[in-house]
Amino acid sequence: MKKIKLLTIILAIVLVTMVAFFGIYVPIQNRMENKVKDYAYAMDLKGGRNIRLKVDTTNKTTIKDSNGKEVTDATNLSDDELAEKGYTKEETPYNSQDVLNEDNYKKSKEIIEKRLKALGVDNYVTKLDETTGDILVEIPENDNTDSVVSNLGTTGKFEIVDSDTGEVLMDNSDIKTARVMYGSNQTGTSAGTTVYLDIEFNKDGANKLENISSTYTNSTNSTNSANTTNTTNSEANNTTNGTTDSSSTQATAKEITMKIDDQEIMSTSFDEVIETGRLQLSVGQATTDTSTLQGYINQAGSMAVVLDNGNIPVKYTVDTNEYVLSNITQDELNIILYVMIGLVAIALIVLIIRYKTEGLVNAFSYVGLASVFVLLLRYANVVVSIESIFGIAVVLILNYIFVNKLLSKLKKEEKVDKAVISIAFKETYKEFFIRIIPICIAVITFCFIQWEPLSSFGMVMFWGIALIAVYNIAITNLLVRVKESKGGKVKDGRNKEEAK
């Protein structure tokens, strides 16, 4: 039974090691994909993206009718056609002179930083040219970088306007928060999961929404039309109910238009008064396809981030979008990895030579800790930088010192049994962790420093020291106990009965 337990633990360690260093590959669309999460690399290892946001100095063309109302459906008309309809063109700058000032530049930079944090980009650098208003953003390169860049160039201007007069009824100042929500729809052809952009308004916004939803509602008036379409909305979600034939009535409604960055999202009216202070806008259609659903989630998430952090007072355009390579090549990283593996192998061989069977068992335990450690760094989203690689090496050295101390104590004992093992572990823990108290204090301090080299080193050390404490008492202790016989073992290797 003892051998079975020992073999089971060792096989489990081998399995974890294979997963940690080689991954788990499954076939997806005629290719093999590793399902183990990849490391989050800092810009000094993986490179980064340099984005320059330039203040937009161009003009926008506005078409207005004879009454001065903006016309949105005449962009494809020629100048002659516009003149025939009595429409006129106006050229106005996207950024008027009164918004081009240092305060607005600084506010724009702050909002961009909020968006970066909301999008999960913790390691970024932003620089503002206070004279021109241009903003330089440096972010790590990963699969989400392009999506992040698209969010940086968006102003985020939110408006609900009267569809007829263009009067602004609500804007960004009325929004409390925006988030993504899900709903299950199991009816008819729309079965599946629906993604919603949920907009919650502040107190003033909620009152405005209640008044708007009671004013812009469906009504029935006399008319000679023979064919009309009823458009209704539940919590501002636009749906078409069908067509009604009548010679005497037509469903009419005052409508509102929702816009983001002057682009029309929807025009709608309300079936009922909204007293909750919230709008839920469906993104896409109900679906059961995972990739399609994820696309809707990303789309709604991007809109939520933009609305949740306010609109940028200055309109920017992405002037530069460049990928900057790391100064450290993949070959150089491989050399560092091979050197670390070689040094660990030599250290474990020394452990085996010095402590024989006990050294071999603890060498397996050491490899298991290293494997769990690299997996922990991935799933804890620890950013790996040059400094954190040094931190990984320090953690491996500290664990080697711990194991060596433990085996040294056990070697001095005449008889090794469960009681002796327990005492040896307690003494080793006490001596080891008392001596590294200054290191622990420094590590915790580094974790809260807003400078990537120190913070990444601190996080690696924090998880490493915590793992040393937990892993050795749970796994190394179990391995040592299972390895020893029930009757105990005397120093020269004979069991208790043979010694007598």
Protein backbone atom coordinates (compact mmCIF):
# COMPACT_ATOMS: atom_id res chain seq x y z
CA MET A 1 0.00 0.00 0.00
CA LYS A 2 2.86 2.34 0.86
CA LYS A 3 4.45 1.80 -2.55
CA ILE A 4 1.13 2.38 -4.33
CA LYS A 5 0.63 5.70 -2.53
CA LEU A 6 4.19 6.79 -3.29
CA LEU A 7 3.87 5.79 -6.94
CA THR A 8 0.52 7.61 -7.24
CA ILE A 9 1.95 10.88 -5.90
CA ILE A 10 4.99 10.63 -8.16
CA LEU A 11 2.83 9.95 -11.22
CA ALA A 12 0.64 12.94 -10.32
CA ILE A 13 3.76 15.12 -10.13
CA VAL A 14 4.91 13.82 -13.52
CA LEU A 15 1.48 14.61 -15.00
CA VAL A 16 1.47 18.16 -13.62
CA THR A 17 5.00 18.66 -14.93
CA MET A 18 4.00 17.53 -18.42
CA VAL A 19 1.03 19.92 -18.40
CA ALA A 20 3.11 22.82 -17.08
CA PHE A 21 5.99 22.54 -19.54
CA PHE A 22 4.36 20.94 -22.60
CA GLY A 23 0.67 21.88 -22.30
CA ILE A 24 -2.57 20.13 -23.24
CA TYR A 25 -3.31 20.08 -26.95
CA VAL A 26 -6.73 19.40 -28.45
CA PRO A 27 -7.78 19.41 -32.13
CA ILE A 28 -9.72 22.54 -33.13
CA GLN A 29 -10.62 23.21 -36.77
CA ASN A 30 -7.86 21.02 -38.24
CA ARG A 31 -5.20 22.37 -35.92
CA MET A 32 -3.86 21.54 -32.47
CA GLU A 33 -4.44 24.20 -29.84
CA ASN A 34 -2.85 24.37 -26.39
CA LYS A 35 -5.62 24.75 -23.79
CA VAL A 36 -3.20 25.73 -21.02
CA LYS A 37 -3.22 29.49 -20.44
CA ASP A 38 -0.19 31.33 -21.79
CA TYR A 39 2.02 33.66 -19.74
CA ALA A 40 1.25 37.37 -19.57
CA TYR A 41 4.50 38.94 -20.76
CA ALA A 42 5.63 42.47 -20.03
CA MET A 43 6.60 44.81 -22.84
CA ASP A 44 10.33 44.26 -22.19
CA LEU A 45 9.90 40.58 -23.17
CA LYS A 46 7.12 40.40 -25.75
CA GLY A 47 7.29 43.85 -27.22
CA GLY A 48 4.47 46.36 -27.26
CA ARG A 49 2.24 48.60 -29.29
CA ASN A 50 2.90 52.32 -29.60
CA ILE A 51 -0.23 54.31 -30.41
CA ARG A 52 -0.24 58.05 -31.01
CA LEU A 53 -3.62 59.70 -30.64
CA LYS A 54 -3.62 62.95 -32.58
CA VAL A 55 -6.10 65.78 -32.10
CA ASP A 56 -8.51 65.68 -35.04
CA THR A 57 -8.17 68.90 -37.07
CA THR A 58 -10.53 67.90 -39.90
CA ASN A 59 -14.03 69.19 -40.58
CA LYS A 60 -17.32 67.35 -40.62
CA THR A 61 -19.99 67.95 -43.26
CA THR A 62 -23.50 68.62 -42.01
CA ILE A 63 -26.50 68.72 -44.36
CA LYS A 64 -29.46 70.84 -43.26
CA ASP A 65 -32.87 71.53 -44.74
CA SER A 66 -34.45 74.95 -45.26
CA ASN A 67 -35.60 75.00 -41.62
CA GLY A 68 -32.07 74.41 -40.34
CA LYS A 69 -32.76 70.82 -39.25
CA GLU A 70 -29.99 68.29 -39.82
CA VAL A 71 -30.72 65.72 -42.54
CA THR A 72 -29.07 62.34 -41.97
CA ASP A 73 -30.20 60.43 -45.07
CA ALA A 74 -28.83 62.79 -47.76
CA THR A 75 -25.14 61.92 -47.68
CA ASN A 76 -25.27 60.20 -51.09
CA LEU A 77 -26.97 63.09 -52.91
CA SER A 78 -25.05 65.23 -55.38
CA ASP A 79 -24.75 68.98 -54.97
CA ASP A 80 -27.42 69.55 -57.65
CA GLU A 81 -29.81 67.16 -55.92
CA LEU A 82 -29.19 68.89 -52.61
CA ALA A 83 -29.93 72.26 -54.21
CA GLU A 84 -33.17 70.95 -55.70
CA LYS A 85 -34.37 69.85 -52.27
CA GLY A 86 -33.29 73.12 -50.71
CA TYR A 87 -30.59 71.44 -48.61
CA THR A 88 -27.33 73.16 -47.71
CA LYS A 89 -23.92 71.87 -46.63
CA GLU A 90 -22.03 73.19 -43.66
CA GLU A 91 -18.39 72.46 -42.86
CA THR A 92 -17.62 72.59 -39.14
CA PRO A 93 -14.50 71.37 -37.30
CA TYR A 94 -14.83 68.25 -35.17
CA ASN A 95 -12.96 70.11 -32.44
CA SER A 96 -13.96 73.73 -31.97
CA GLN A 97 -11.34 76.13 -30.64
CA ASP A 98 -12.98 76.38 -27.21
CA VAL A 99 -12.36 72.67 -26.46
CA LEU A 100 -8.69 72.73 -27.49
CA ASN A 101 -7.13 73.58 -24.15
CA GLU A 102 -4.80 71.97 -21.62
CA ASP A 103 -7.55 71.02 -19.16
CA ASN A 104 -9.44 69.04 -21.81
CA TYR A 105 -6.21 67.37 -22.94
CA LYS A 106 -5.52 66.21 -19.38
CA LYS A 107 -9.11 65.04 -18.93
CA SER A 108 -8.87 63.08 -22.19
CA LYS A 109 -5.71 61.36 -20.94
CA GLU A 110 -7.42 60.44 -17.65
CA ILE A 111 -10.42 58.92 -19.44
CA ILE A 112 -8.14 56.92 -21.74
CA GLU A 113 -6.32 55.53 -18.69
CA LYS A 114 -9.66 54.56 -17.11
CA ARG A 115 -10.62 52.72 -20.30
CA LEU A 116 -7.30 50.87 -20.33
CA LYS A 117 -7.86 49.68 -16.76
CA ALA A 118 -11.46 48.67 -17.53
CA LEU A 119 -10.21 46.67 -20.53
CA GLY A 120 -7.78 44.77 -18.29
CA VAL A 121 -4.61 46.52 -19.50
CA ASP A 122 -2.62 46.99 -16.30
CA ASN A 123 0.77 47.61 -17.86
CA TYR A 124 0.61 50.74 -19.93
CA VAL A 125 2.39 54.05 -20.36
CA THR A 126 0.61 57.27 -21.36
CA LYS A 127 2.34 60.52 -22.26
CA LEU A 128 0.64 63.84 -23.02
CA ASP A 129 2.01 66.63 -25.17
CA GLU A 130 0.35 69.54 -23.38
CA THR A 131 1.07 71.88 -26.28
CA THR A 132 -0.49 69.92 -29.14
CA GLY A 133 -2.78 67.68 -27.06
CA ASP A 134 -1.41 64.52 -28.70
CA ILE A 135 -1.32 61.43 -26.46
CA LEU A 136 1.21 58.60 -26.77
CA VAL A 137 0.04 55.22 -25.42
CA GLU A 138 2.28 52.17 -24.96
CA ILE A 139 0.58 48.84 -24.21
CA PRO A 140 1.73 45.19 -24.25
CA GLU A 141 1.16 43.19 -27.41
CA ASN A 142 -1.38 40.36 -27.09
CA ASP A 143 -4.50 38.96 -28.76
CA ASN A 144 -6.68 41.82 -27.44
CA THR A 145 -4.43 44.71 -28.47
CA ASP A 146 -6.34 45.59 -31.65
CA SER A 147 -9.62 45.67 -29.73
CA VAL A 148 -8.05 47.96 -27.12
CA VAL A 149 -6.75 50.32 -29.80
CA SER A 150 -10.21 50.61 -31.37
CA ASN A 151 -11.60 51.73 -28.01
CA LEU A 152 -8.96 54.41 -27.53
CA GLY A 153 -9.94 56.35 -30.65
CA THR A 154 -13.64 56.41 -29.73
CA THR A 155 -14.95 59.64 -28.22
CA GLY A 156 -17.82 57.93 -26.39
CA LYS A 157 -20.37 60.71 -26.85
CA PHE A 158 -23.79 59.37 -25.82
CA GLU A 159 -27.03 61.14 -26.68
CA ILE A 160 -30.75 60.47 -26.73
CA VAL A 161 -32.41 63.05 -28.99
CA ASP A 162 -35.87 63.88 -30.30
CA SER A 163 -36.09 62.21 -33.71
CA ASP A 164 -38.02 65.16 -35.17
CA THR A 165 -36.38 68.23 -33.66
CA GLY A 166 -32.91 66.88 -32.80
CA GLU A 167 -33.24 68.22 -29.25
CA VAL A 168 -30.80 66.48 -26.87
CA LEU A 169 -32.84 64.80 -24.14
CA MET A 170 -30.10 62.84 -22.35
CA ASP A 171 -26.31 62.60 -22.55
CA ASN A 172 -23.25 61.11 -20.80
CA SER A 173 -23.81 63.14 -17.65
CA ASP A 174 -26.97 61.10 -16.99
CA ILE A 175 -25.21 57.69 -17.01
CA LYS A 176 -24.32 56.04 -13.72
CA THR A 177 -22.83 52.83 -15.07
CA ALA A 178 -22.92 50.50 -18.08
CA ARG A 179 -22.32 46.76 -18.09
CA VAL A 180 -22.87 43.56 -20.06
CA MET A 181 -25.71 41.20 -19.15
CA TYR A 182 -27.00 37.87 -20.49
CA GLY A 183 -30.44 36.47 -20.96
CA SER A 184 -31.74 33.07 -22.05
CA ASN A 185 -34.36 33.04 -24.79
CA GLN A 186 -36.05 29.70 -25.52
CA THR A 187 -38.94 30.85 -27.73
CA GLY A 188 -39.41 30.20 -31.44
CA THR A 189 -36.51 30.74 -33.80
CA SER A 190 -34.66 33.05 -31.35
CA ALA A 191 -33.67 30.29 -28.93
CA GLY A 192 -30.29 30.76 -27.32
CA THR A 193 -28.47 33.36 -25.24
CA THR A 194 -28.98 37.07 -25.81
CA VAL A 195 -26.37 39.65 -24.86
CA TYR A 196 -27.52 43.01 -23.50
CA LEU A 197 -25.85 46.34 -22.95
CA ASP A 198 -27.35 47.41 -19.63
CA ILE A 199 -27.24 51.19 -19.04
CA GLU A 200 -28.11 52.36 -15.55
CA PHE A 201 -28.77 56.09 -15.12
CA ASN A 202 -28.14 58.30 -12.11
CA LYS A 203 -30.96 59.97 -10.16
CA ASP A 204 -31.43 62.86 -12.59
CA GLY A 205 -31.07 60.52 -15.56
CA ALA A 206 -33.67 58.12 -14.15
CA ASN A 207 -36.15 60.98 -13.80
CA LYS A 208 -35.43 62.11 -17.36
CA LEU A 209 -35.88 58.55 -18.66
CA GLU A 210 -39.21 58.23 -16.88
CA ASN A 211 -40.44 61.50 -18.40
CA ILE A 212 -39.18 60.59 -21.86
CA SER A 213 -40.73 57.12 -21.79
CA SER A 214 -44.08 58.63 -20.83
CA THR A 215 -43.87 61.29 -23.55
CA TYR A 216 -42.39 59.31 -26.44
CA THR A 217 -44.94 56.52 -26.41
CA ASN A 218 -47.17 54.83 -28.97
CA SER A 219 -50.50 56.56 -29.75
CA THR A 220 -53.31 56.08 -32.29
CA ASN A 221 -54.52 58.91 -34.54
CA SER A 222 -57.00 59.13 -37.42
CA THR A 223 -55.50 58.85 -40.88
CA ASN A 224 -56.37 57.77 -44.42
CA SER A 225 -53.38 55.47 -44.75
CA ALA A 226 -54.15 51.91 -45.74
CA ASN A 227 -50.93 50.23 -44.58
CA THR A 228 -48.76 50.92 -41.53
CA THR A 229 -46.10 49.23 -39.45
CA ASN A 230 -46.28 49.20 -35.66
CA THR A 231 -42.90 49.65 -34.01
CA THR A 232 -42.79 49.02 -30.28
CA ASN A 233 -40.05 48.83 -27.69
CA SER A 234 -39.62 47.26 -24.32
CA GLU A 235 -36.89 49.02 -22.35
CA ALA A 236 -35.61 50.66 -25.54
CA ASN A 237 -35.17 47.38 -27.38
CA ASN A 238 -36.46 48.00 -30.92
CA THR A 239 -38.68 45.25 -32.38
CA THR A 240 -41.17 45.18 -35.26
CA ASN A 241 -44.49 43.62 -34.41
CA GLY A 242 -46.09 43.48 -37.83
CA THR A 243 -48.34 45.27 -40.31
CA THR A 244 -51.92 46.42 -39.81
CA ASP A 245 -54.33 47.12 -42.67
CA SER A 246 -56.80 49.89 -41.96
CA SER A 247 -58.56 52.68 -43.83
CA SER A 248 -59.22 54.80 -40.78
CA THR A 249 -56.38 54.40 -38.23
CA GLN A 250 -52.61 54.35 -38.12
CA ALA A 251 -50.32 53.71 -35.17
CA THR A 252 -48.06 56.72 -34.76
CA ALA A 253 -45.55 57.56 -32.10
CA LYS A 254 -43.15 60.27 -31.09
CA GLU A 255 -39.72 58.69 -31.36
CA ILE A 256 -36.34 59.20 -29.79
CA THR A 257 -33.02 58.44 -31.47
CA MET A 258 -30.10 57.01 -29.57
CA LYS A 259 -26.63 58.02 -30.78
CA ILE A 260 -23.06 57.13 -29.89
CA ASP A 261 -20.41 59.40 -31.41
CA ASP A 262 -23.12 60.98 -33.59
CA GLN A 263 -23.86 57.58 -35.13
CA GLU A 264 -27.48 56.47 -34.88
CA ILE A 265 -27.86 53.28 -32.85
CA MET A 266 -31.65 53.06 -32.98
CA SER A 267 -34.87 55.05 -33.26
CA THR A 268 -37.71 53.91 -31.07
CA SER A 269 -40.70 54.74 -28.94
CA PHE A 270 -41.87 53.17 -25.68
CA ASP A 271 -44.76 50.87 -24.80
CA GLU A 272 -44.71 51.77 -21.13
CA VAL A 273 -43.19 54.17 -18.64
CA ILE A 274 -39.72 53.09 -17.47
CA GLU A 275 -39.41 53.66 -13.73
CA THR A 276 -36.34 51.48 -13.10
CA GLY A 277 -33.85 54.02 -14.46
CA ARG A 278 -32.30 51.37 -16.71
CA LEU A 279 -32.20 50.61 -20.42
CA GLN A 280 -31.30 47.19 -21.80
CA LEU A 281 -30.20 47.18 -25.42
CA SER A 282 -29.84 43.80 -27.12
CA VAL A 283 -26.58 43.29 -29.01
CA GLY A 284 -27.00 40.95 -31.96
CA GLN A 285 -29.51 38.13 -31.81
CA ALA A 286 -30.05 35.15 -29.55
CA THR A 287 -27.54 32.44 -30.42
CA THR A 288 -26.16 29.14 -29.20
CA ASP A 289 -22.92 29.42 -31.16
CA THR A 290 -20.03 30.05 -28.76
CA SER A 291 -17.86 32.11 -31.11
CA THR A 292 -20.79 34.28 -32.22
CA LEU A 293 -21.84 34.80 -28.63
CA GLN A 294 -18.30 35.81 -27.68
CA GLY A 295 -18.30 38.33 -30.52
CA TYR A 296 -21.50 39.90 -29.17
CA ILE A 297 -20.02 39.94 -25.66
CA ASN A 298 -16.88 41.70 -26.88
CA GLN A 299 -18.95 44.23 -28.82
CA ALA A 300 -21.19 44.97 -25.82
CA GLY A 301 -18.17 45.03 -23.52
CA SER A 302 -16.44 47.65 -25.65
CA MET A 303 -19.54 49.85 -25.63
CA ALA A 304 -19.92 49.42 -21.87
CA VAL A 305 -16.31 50.46 -21.25
CA VAL A 306 -16.71 53.56 -23.41
CA LEU A 307 -20.00 54.64 -21.77
CA ASP A 308 -18.95 53.73 -18.23
CA ASN A 309 -15.91 56.02 -18.23
CA GLY A 310 -17.34 59.17 -19.81
CA ASN A 311 -16.83 60.81 -23.18
CA ILE A 312 -13.49 62.27 -24.21
CA PRO A 313 -13.92 66.06 -24.58
CA VAL A 314 -11.50 66.19 -27.52
CA LYS A 315 -11.93 64.10 -30.67
CA TYR A 316 -8.79 62.12 -31.49
CA THR A 317 -7.70 60.00 -34.42
CA VAL A 318 -5.23 57.11 -34.29
CA ASP A 319 -2.27 58.67 -36.09
CA THR A 320 0.34 55.98 -35.32
CA ASN A 321 -0.16 52.31 -34.50
CA GLU A 322 3.21 50.54 -34.44
CA TYR A 323 4.41 47.25 -33.02
CA VAL A 324 7.76 47.62 -31.25
CA LEU A 325 9.89 44.50 -30.87
CA SER A 326 11.46 43.55 -27.57
CA ASN A 327 15.19 44.09 -27.15
CA ILE A 328 15.43 40.49 -25.95
CA THR A 329 15.08 37.82 -28.62
CA GLN A 330 13.40 34.44 -28.20
CA ASP A 331 16.82 32.74 -28.52
CA GLU A 332 18.13 34.75 -25.59
CA LEU A 333 15.08 33.79 -23.52
CA ASN A 334 15.64 30.14 -24.41
CA ILE A 335 19.24 30.39 -23.25
CA ILE A 336 18.09 31.79 -19.88
CA LEU A 337 15.55 28.96 -19.59
CA TYR A 338 18.09 26.24 -20.43
CA VAL A 339 20.61 27.65 -17.95
CA MET A 340 17.98 27.68 -15.17
CA ILE A 341 16.91 24.10 -15.96
CA GLY A 342 20.56 22.99 -16.02
CA LEU A 343 21.34 24.59 -12.66
CA VAL A 344 18.22 23.04 -11.10
CA ALA A 345 19.17 19.62 -12.48
CA ILE A 346 22.69 19.88 -11.02
CA ALA A 347 21.31 20.97 -7.65
CA LEU A 348 18.87 18.04 -7.55
CA ILE A 349 21.63 15.57 -8.46
CA VAL A 350 23.67 16.90 -5.53
CA LEU A 351 20.60 16.43 -3.31
CA ILE A 352 20.22 12.81 -4.44
CA ILE A 353 23.92 12.02 -3.97
CA ARG A 354 23.96 13.52 -0.49
CA TYR A 355 20.68 12.12 0.88
CA LYS A 356 20.22 8.98 -1.26
CA THR A 357 16.60 7.77 -1.38
CA GLU A 358 15.28 10.67 0.71
CA GLY A 359 17.00 13.05 -1.69
CA LEU A 360 15.37 11.35 -4.69
CA VAL A 361 11.89 11.61 -3.17
CA ASN A 362 12.39 15.28 -2.32
CA ALA A 363 13.79 15.93 -5.80
CA PHE A 364 10.49 14.71 -7.25
CA SER A 365 8.66 16.97 -4.81
CA TYR A 366 10.86 19.91 -5.86
CA VAL A 367 10.03 19.35 -9.54
CA GLY A 368 6.35 19.24 -8.63
CA LEU A 369 6.58 22.59 -6.85
CA ALA A 370 8.34 24.16 -9.85
CA SER A 371 5.59 22.85 -12.15
CA VAL A 372 2.75 24.09 -9.95
CA PHE A 373 4.57 27.42 -9.65
CA VAL A 374 4.71 28.11 -13.39
CA LEU A 375 1.04 27.13 -13.75
CA LEU A 376 0.14 29.43 -10.85
CA LEU A 377 1.92 32.35 -12.50
CA ARG A 378 -0.18 31.83 -15.63
CA TYR A 379 -3.59 31.57 -14.00
CA ALA A 380 -2.89 34.30 -11.44
CA ASN A 381 -2.20 36.62 -14.42
CA VAL A 382 1.23 37.54 -13.09
CA VAL A 383 3.10 39.66 -15.64
CA VAL A 384 6.41 38.04 -16.53
CA SER A 385 9.26 40.52 -17.03
CA ILE A 386 13.05 40.38 -16.86
CA GLU A 387 12.85 41.22 -13.15
CA SER A 388 10.23 38.54 -12.49
CA ILE A 389 12.41 35.90 -14.14
CA PHE A 390 15.00 36.76 -11.50
CA GLY A 391 12.19 36.40 -8.92
CA ILE A 392 11.42 32.89 -10.22
CA ALA A 393 15.07 31.95 -9.75
CA VAL A 394 15.02 33.33 -6.18
CA VAL A 395 11.88 31.30 -5.34
CA LEU A 396 13.52 28.09 -6.65
CA ILE A 397 16.63 28.81 -4.57
CA LEU A 398 14.55 29.46 -1.45
CA ASN A 399 12.67 26.18 -1.89
CA TYR A 400 15.97 24.32 -2.38
CA ILE A 401 17.25 25.81 0.88
CA PHE A 402 14.04 24.72 2.63
CA VAL A 403 14.28 21.14 1.32
CA ASN A 404 17.99 20.91 2.16
CA LYS A 405 17.36 22.10 5.71
CA LEU A 406 14.58 19.54 6.17
CA LEU A 407 16.68 16.63 4.88
CA SER A 408 19.63 17.74 6.99
CA LYS A 409 17.50 17.55 10.13
CA LEU A 410 16.11 14.13 9.21
CA LYS A 411 19.60 12.80 8.48
CA LYS A 412 20.75 13.64 12.00
CA GLU A 413 18.01 11.53 13.57
CA GLU A 414 18.76 7.97 14.70
CA LYS A 415 15.20 6.90 14.01
CA VAL A 416 12.83 8.51 11.49
CA ASP A 417 9.11 8.05 12.12
CA LYS A 418 6.00 10.19 11.81
CA ALA A 419 6.65 12.02 15.07
CA VAL A 420 10.23 12.84 14.08
CA ILE A 421 9.09 13.98 10.62
CA SER A 422 6.45 16.24 12.17
CA ILE A 423 8.99 17.84 14.53
CA ALA A 424 11.50 18.28 11.69
CA PHE A 425 8.92 20.04 9.52
CA LYS A 426 7.85 22.37 12.35
CA GLU A 427 11.43 23.33 13.18
CA THR A 428 12.33 23.84 9.50
CA TYR A 429 9.26 26.00 8.91
CA LYS A 430 10.01 28.11 11.98
CA GLU A 431 13.68 28.68 11.15
CA PHE A 432 13.11 29.25 7.44
CA PHE A 433 10.22 31.72 7.58
CA ILE A 434 11.63 33.70 10.52
CA ARG A 435 14.80 34.29 8.51
CA ILE A 436 12.92 35.47 5.39
CA ILE A 437 10.61 37.90 7.22
CA PRO A 438 12.54 40.92 5.82
CA ILE A 439 12.17 39.44 2.32
CA CYS A 440 8.42 38.97 2.84
CA ILE A 441 7.99 42.59 3.95
CA ALA A 442 9.93 43.85 0.93
CA VAL A 443 7.92 41.58 -1.42
CA ILE A 444 4.55 42.86 -0.13
CA THR A 445 5.79 46.43 -0.56
CA PHE A 446 6.91 45.74 -4.14
CA CYS A 447 3.45 44.36 -5.02
CA PHE A 448 1.86 47.76 -4.40
CA ILE A 449 4.43 49.84 -6.27
CA GLN A 450 3.05 51.19 -9.55
CA TRP A 451 6.21 50.41 -11.49
CA GLU A 452 6.11 47.27 -13.59
CA PRO A 453 9.65 45.92 -12.95
CA LEU A 454 9.23 45.98 -9.16
CA SER A 455 5.54 45.04 -9.09
CA SER A 456 6.07 42.00 -11.35
CA PHE A 457 9.04 40.88 -9.23
CA GLY A 458 6.97 41.36 -6.08
CA MET A 459 4.00 39.36 -7.39
CA VAL A 460 6.23 36.46 -8.48
CA MET A 461 7.92 36.37 -5.09
CA PHE A 462 4.61 36.65 -3.22
CA TRP A 463 3.04 33.65 -4.99
CA GLY A 464 6.32 31.73 -4.77
CA ILE A 465 6.73 32.13 -1.00
CA ALA A 466 3.05 31.32 -0.44
CA LEU A 467 3.45 28.18 -2.55
CA ILE A 468 6.55 27.09 -0.62
CA ALA A 469 4.55 27.30 2.61
CA VAL A 470 1.50 25.42 1.32
CA TYR A 471 3.06 22.89 -1.06
CA ASN A 472 5.73 21.55 1.29
CA ILE A 473 3.36 20.96 4.18
CA ALA A 474 0.83 19.28 1.86
CA ILE A 475 2.93 17.35 -0.70
CA THR A 476 6.54 17.12 0.51
CA ASN A 477 5.37 16.19 4.00
CA LEU A 478 3.09 13.49 2.55
CA LEU A 479 5.84 12.08 0.34
CA VAL A 480 8.31 11.84 3.22
CA ARG A 481 5.72 10.19 5.49
CA VAL A 482 4.66 7.66 2.85
CA LYS A 483 8.25 6.80 2.07
CA GLU A 484 9.11 5.94 5.67
CA SER A 485 8.06 2.54 7.03
CA LYS A 486 5.57 2.19 9.86
CA GLY A 487 8.19 0.81 12.20
CA GLY A 488 10.54 3.67 11.64
CA LYS A 489 14.06 3.67 10.27
CA VAL A 490 17.40 3.90 12.07
CA LYS A 491 20.27 6.00 10.81
CA ASP A 492 22.22 3.19 9.09
CA GLY A 493 19.21 2.29 6.94
CA ARG A 494 18.04 -0.83 8.77
CA ASN A 495 14.49 -1.04 10.03
CA LYS A 496 13.64 -1.08 13.71
CA GLU A 497 13.42 -4.85 14.12
CA GLU A 498 16.76 -5.45 12.36
CA ALA A 499 18.47 -2.98 14.66
CA LYS A 500 17.35 -4.91 17.70
